[in-house]
Amino acid sequence: MRNMSIPEPEKAPFTEKQGQYLAFIKMYTKVNKVPPAHTDFQKYFDVTPPTVNQMIKTLENKGLIRKKPKTPRSIYVLALDELIPTLK
């Protein structure tokens, strides 16, 4: 009998915290019909503006979100829905 290795489940291409930001964007947009503003992230995650800016840049650089420069509420999630965790 051959030794068949079982493929490992696909790992999400982002950290747990990044996943929570993606989940927040998806949920916020679904509920409010517009993407969240930076202040919405600050309130929900209890973080500072620079923290939000850095996370948005990181998600954008990883190709997980897209946004229009200098346009408020323009974040769109590109990550596959099945990879996005449940919002905690």
N, C-alpha and C. Protein backbone atom coordinates (compact mmCIF):
# COMPACT_ATOMS: atom_id res chain seq x y z
N MET A 1 0.83 -1.18 0.00
CA MET A 1 0.00 0.00 0.00
C MET A 1 0.89 1.25 0.00
N ARG A 2 0.50 2.23 -0.78
CA ARG A 2 1.28 3.46 -0.88
C ARG A 2 1.00 4.38 0.30
N ASN A 3 2.01 5.11 0.65
CA ASN A 3 1.87 6.09 1.72
C ASN A 3 1.34 7.38 1.10
N MET A 4 0.07 7.62 1.30
CA MET A 4 -0.57 8.81 0.70
C MET A 4 -0.67 9.89 1.77
N SER A 5 -0.10 11.03 1.47
CA SER A 5 -0.19 12.11 2.45
C SER A 5 -1.50 12.86 2.25
N ILE A 6 -2.08 13.22 3.34
CA ILE A 6 -3.35 13.96 3.32
C ILE A 6 -3.01 15.44 3.19
N PRO A 7 -3.59 16.12 2.20
CA PRO A 7 -3.28 17.55 2.06
C PRO A 7 -3.79 18.33 3.26
N GLU A 8 -3.00 19.29 3.65
CA GLU A 8 -3.40 20.14 4.77
C GLU A 8 -4.43 21.15 4.30
N PRO A 9 -5.37 21.53 5.20
CA PRO A 9 -6.35 22.55 4.80
C PRO A 9 -5.63 23.84 4.45
N GLU A 10 -6.21 24.55 3.50
CA GLU A 10 -5.58 25.80 3.06
C GLU A 10 -5.58 26.81 4.19
N LYS A 11 -4.44 27.39 4.43
CA LYS A 11 -4.30 28.38 5.49
C LYS A 11 -4.67 29.75 4.93
N ALA A 12 -5.39 30.50 5.71
CA ALA A 12 -5.78 31.85 5.29
C ALA A 12 -4.52 32.70 5.10
N PRO A 13 -4.51 33.55 4.07
CA PRO A 13 -3.32 34.37 3.78
C PRO A 13 -3.24 35.63 4.63
N PHE A 14 -3.73 35.54 5.87
CA PHE A 14 -3.68 36.70 6.74
C PHE A 14 -3.70 36.26 8.20
N THR A 15 -3.32 37.16 9.09
CA THR A 15 -3.30 36.88 10.52
C THR A 15 -4.72 36.91 11.08
N GLU A 16 -4.86 36.47 12.32
CA GLU A 16 -6.17 36.49 12.97
C GLU A 16 -6.72 37.92 13.05
N LYS A 17 -5.87 38.87 13.44
CA LYS A 17 -6.30 40.27 13.56
C LYS A 17 -6.71 40.83 12.20
N GLN A 18 -5.93 40.52 11.17
CA GLN A 18 -6.27 40.97 9.81
C GLN A 18 -7.61 40.37 9.39
N GLY A 19 -7.83 39.12 9.75
CA GLY A 19 -9.10 38.47 9.45
C GLY A 19 -10.27 39.16 10.13
N GLN A 20 -10.05 39.64 11.34
CA GLN A 20 -11.11 40.35 12.05
C GLN A 20 -11.42 41.69 11.37
N TYR A 21 -10.41 42.35 10.87
CA TYR A 21 -10.65 43.60 10.13
C TYR A 21 -11.44 43.30 8.85
N LEU A 22 -11.08 42.24 8.15
CA LEU A 22 -11.82 41.86 6.94
C LEU A 22 -13.27 41.51 7.28
N ALA A 23 -13.46 40.76 8.36
CA ALA A 23 -14.81 40.39 8.79
C ALA A 23 -15.62 41.64 9.15
N PHE A 24 -14.95 42.60 9.82
CA PHE A 24 -15.63 43.84 10.20
C PHE A 24 -16.07 44.61 8.96
N ILE A 25 -15.18 44.71 7.98
CA ILE A 25 -15.53 45.43 6.74
C ILE A 25 -16.74 44.78 6.08
N LYS A 26 -16.72 43.45 5.96
CA LYS A 26 -17.83 42.72 5.32
C LYS A 26 -19.14 42.95 6.08
N MET A 27 -19.10 42.75 7.40
CA MET A 27 -20.32 42.87 8.22
C MET A 27 -20.84 44.30 8.23
N TYR A 28 -19.94 45.26 8.43
CA TYR A 28 -20.34 46.67 8.48
C TYR A 28 -20.99 47.07 7.17
N THR A 29 -20.38 46.68 6.06
CA THR A 29 -20.91 47.03 4.74
C THR A 29 -22.27 46.38 4.51
N LYS A 30 -22.43 45.15 4.95
CA LYS A 30 -23.70 44.44 4.79
C LYS A 30 -24.82 45.13 5.59
N VAL A 31 -24.50 45.50 6.81
CA VAL A 31 -25.51 46.10 7.70
C VAL A 31 -25.82 47.55 7.31
N ASN A 32 -24.79 48.33 7.00
CA ASN A 32 -24.96 49.77 6.78
C ASN A 32 -25.02 50.20 5.32
N LYS A 33 -24.81 49.25 4.42
CA LYS A 33 -24.85 49.51 2.97
C LYS A 33 -23.76 50.45 2.47
N VAL A 34 -22.79 50.75 3.33
CA VAL A 34 -21.60 51.51 2.96
C VAL A 34 -20.42 50.93 3.75
N PRO A 35 -19.21 50.98 3.19
CA PRO A 35 -18.04 50.50 3.94
C PRO A 35 -17.77 51.37 5.16
N PRO A 36 -17.05 50.83 6.12
CA PRO A 36 -16.74 51.61 7.33
C PRO A 36 -15.74 52.73 7.07
N ALA A 37 -15.86 53.78 7.87
CA ALA A 37 -14.87 54.86 7.87
C ALA A 37 -13.79 54.49 8.88
N HIS A 38 -12.68 55.18 8.83
CA HIS A 38 -11.59 54.90 9.77
C HIS A 38 -12.05 55.03 11.22
N THR A 39 -12.93 55.99 11.49
CA THR A 39 -13.42 56.17 12.87
C THR A 39 -14.24 54.96 13.32
N ASP A 40 -14.91 54.28 12.39
CA ASP A 40 -15.66 53.08 12.75
C ASP A 40 -14.72 51.96 13.20
N PHE A 41 -13.58 51.81 12.51
CA PHE A 41 -12.57 50.84 12.93
C PHE A 41 -12.03 51.19 14.31
N GLN A 42 -11.75 52.49 14.51
CA GLN A 42 -11.19 52.94 15.79
C GLN A 42 -12.13 52.60 16.94
N LYS A 43 -13.41 52.85 16.76
CA LYS A 43 -14.38 52.58 17.82
C LYS A 43 -14.53 51.09 18.07
N TYR A 44 -14.65 50.30 17.02
CA TYR A 44 -14.89 48.87 17.17
C TYR A 44 -13.69 48.15 17.78
N PHE A 45 -12.50 48.45 17.27
CA PHE A 45 -11.30 47.74 17.73
C PHE A 45 -10.57 48.47 18.87
N ASP A 46 -11.05 49.66 19.24
CA ASP A 46 -10.44 50.46 20.30
C ASP A 46 -8.96 50.68 20.02
N VAL A 47 -8.69 51.24 18.84
CA VAL A 47 -7.31 51.50 18.40
C VAL A 47 -7.17 52.96 17.96
N THR A 48 -5.94 53.36 17.72
CA THR A 48 -5.64 54.74 17.31
C THR A 48 -5.71 54.87 15.79
N PRO A 49 -5.84 56.11 15.29
CA PRO A 49 -5.84 56.32 13.84
C PRO A 49 -4.62 55.73 13.12
N PRO A 50 -3.38 55.88 13.67
CA PRO A 50 -2.25 55.28 12.97
C PRO A 50 -2.36 53.74 12.86
N THR A 51 -2.94 53.11 13.87
CA THR A 51 -3.12 51.65 13.84
C THR A 51 -4.05 51.26 12.71
N VAL A 52 -5.15 52.01 12.57
CA VAL A 52 -6.10 51.73 11.48
C VAL A 52 -5.43 51.95 10.13
N ASN A 53 -4.72 53.06 9.99
CA ASN A 53 -4.04 53.35 8.72
C ASN A 53 -3.06 52.24 8.34
N GLN A 54 -2.30 51.76 9.32
CA GLN A 54 -1.31 50.71 9.05
C GLN A 54 -2.00 49.42 8.64
N MET A 55 -3.08 49.08 9.31
CA MET A 55 -3.79 47.84 8.98
C MET A 55 -4.40 47.93 7.58
N ILE A 56 -4.98 49.06 7.24
CA ILE A 56 -5.56 49.24 5.91
C ILE A 56 -4.47 49.11 4.84
N LYS A 57 -3.32 49.72 5.08
CA LYS A 57 -2.20 49.61 4.13
C LYS A 57 -1.74 48.16 4.00
N THR A 58 -1.65 47.47 5.13
CA THR A 58 -1.21 46.07 5.12
C THR A 58 -2.18 45.20 4.32
N LEU A 59 -3.47 45.37 4.57
CA LEU A 59 -4.48 44.58 3.86
C LEU A 59 -4.46 44.88 2.37
N GLU A 60 -4.24 46.14 2.05
CA GLU A 60 -4.18 46.55 0.64
C GLU A 60 -2.93 45.97 -0.04
N ASN A 61 -1.80 46.03 0.64
CA ASN A 61 -0.55 45.50 0.09
C ASN A 61 -0.61 43.98 -0.12
N LYS A 62 -1.37 43.31 0.73
CA LYS A 62 -1.52 41.85 0.59
C LYS A 62 -2.56 41.48 -0.46
N GLY A 63 -3.22 42.48 -1.03
CA GLY A 63 -4.23 42.21 -2.05
C GLY A 63 -5.54 41.69 -1.48
N LEU A 64 -5.79 41.98 -0.20
CA LEU A 64 -7.01 41.49 0.45
C LEU A 64 -8.15 42.49 0.37
N ILE A 65 -7.81 43.76 0.18
CA ILE A 65 -8.83 44.80 0.00
C ILE A 65 -8.40 45.72 -1.13
N ARG A 66 -9.35 46.51 -1.59
CA ARG A 66 -9.08 47.55 -2.58
C ARG A 66 -9.79 48.79 -2.09
N LYS A 67 -9.18 49.94 -2.28
CA LYS A 67 -9.84 51.20 -1.94
C LYS A 67 -9.38 52.29 -2.89
N LYS A 68 -10.22 53.28 -3.02
CA LYS A 68 -9.86 54.43 -3.85
C LYS A 68 -9.11 55.43 -2.99
N PRO A 69 -7.94 55.87 -3.45
CA PRO A 69 -7.17 56.85 -2.67
C PRO A 69 -7.97 58.13 -2.43
N LYS A 70 -7.85 58.64 -1.23
CA LYS A 70 -8.48 59.91 -0.83
C LYS A 70 -10.00 59.92 -1.02
N THR A 71 -10.60 58.73 -0.99
CA THR A 71 -12.06 58.63 -1.12
C THR A 71 -12.58 57.93 0.14
N PRO A 72 -13.39 58.64 0.92
CA PRO A 72 -13.92 58.02 2.14
C PRO A 72 -14.86 56.86 1.82
N ARG A 73 -14.86 55.90 2.73
CA ARG A 73 -15.77 54.75 2.63
C ARG A 73 -15.71 54.04 1.28
N SER A 74 -14.48 53.75 0.85
CA SER A 74 -14.32 53.12 -0.46
C SER A 74 -13.63 51.75 -0.37
N ILE A 75 -13.62 51.14 0.81
CA ILE A 75 -12.93 49.86 1.00
C ILE A 75 -13.82 48.72 0.50
N TYR A 76 -13.21 47.84 -0.29
CA TYR A 76 -13.91 46.67 -0.82
C TYR A 76 -13.05 45.44 -0.55
N VAL A 77 -13.63 44.41 0.03
CA VAL A 77 -12.89 43.19 0.35
C VAL A 77 -12.72 42.33 -0.89
N LEU A 78 -11.47 41.91 -1.15
CA LEU A 78 -11.15 41.05 -2.28
C LEU A 78 -10.94 39.60 -1.85
N ALA A 79 -10.68 39.38 -0.55
CA ALA A 79 -10.45 38.03 -0.05
C ALA A 79 -11.70 37.18 -0.24
N LEU A 80 -11.50 35.90 -0.47
CA LEU A 80 -12.62 34.97 -0.65
C LEU A 80 -13.46 34.89 0.62
N ASP A 81 -14.78 34.93 0.47
CA ASP A 81 -15.68 34.88 1.61
C ASP A 81 -15.42 33.69 2.52
N GLU A 82 -15.12 32.52 1.92
CA GLU A 82 -14.93 31.31 2.73
C GLU A 82 -13.67 31.36 3.60
N LEU A 83 -12.77 32.29 3.31
CA LEU A 83 -11.56 32.45 4.14
C LEU A 83 -11.75 33.44 5.28
N ILE A 84 -12.76 34.29 5.18
CA ILE A 84 -12.98 35.33 6.18
C ILE A 84 -13.63 34.73 7.42
N PRO A 85 -13.03 34.94 8.59
CA PRO A 85 -13.57 34.37 9.83
C PRO A 85 -14.84 35.09 10.29
N THR A 86 -15.45 34.52 11.30
CA THR A 86 -16.60 35.15 11.93
C THR A 86 -16.09 36.32 12.78
N LEU A 87 -16.82 37.42 12.75
CA LEU A 87 -16.43 38.61 13.53
C LEU A 87 -16.65 38.33 15.00
N LYS A 88 -15.65 38.64 15.81
CA LYS A 88 -15.74 38.41 17.27
C LYS A 88 -16.09 39.69 17.97
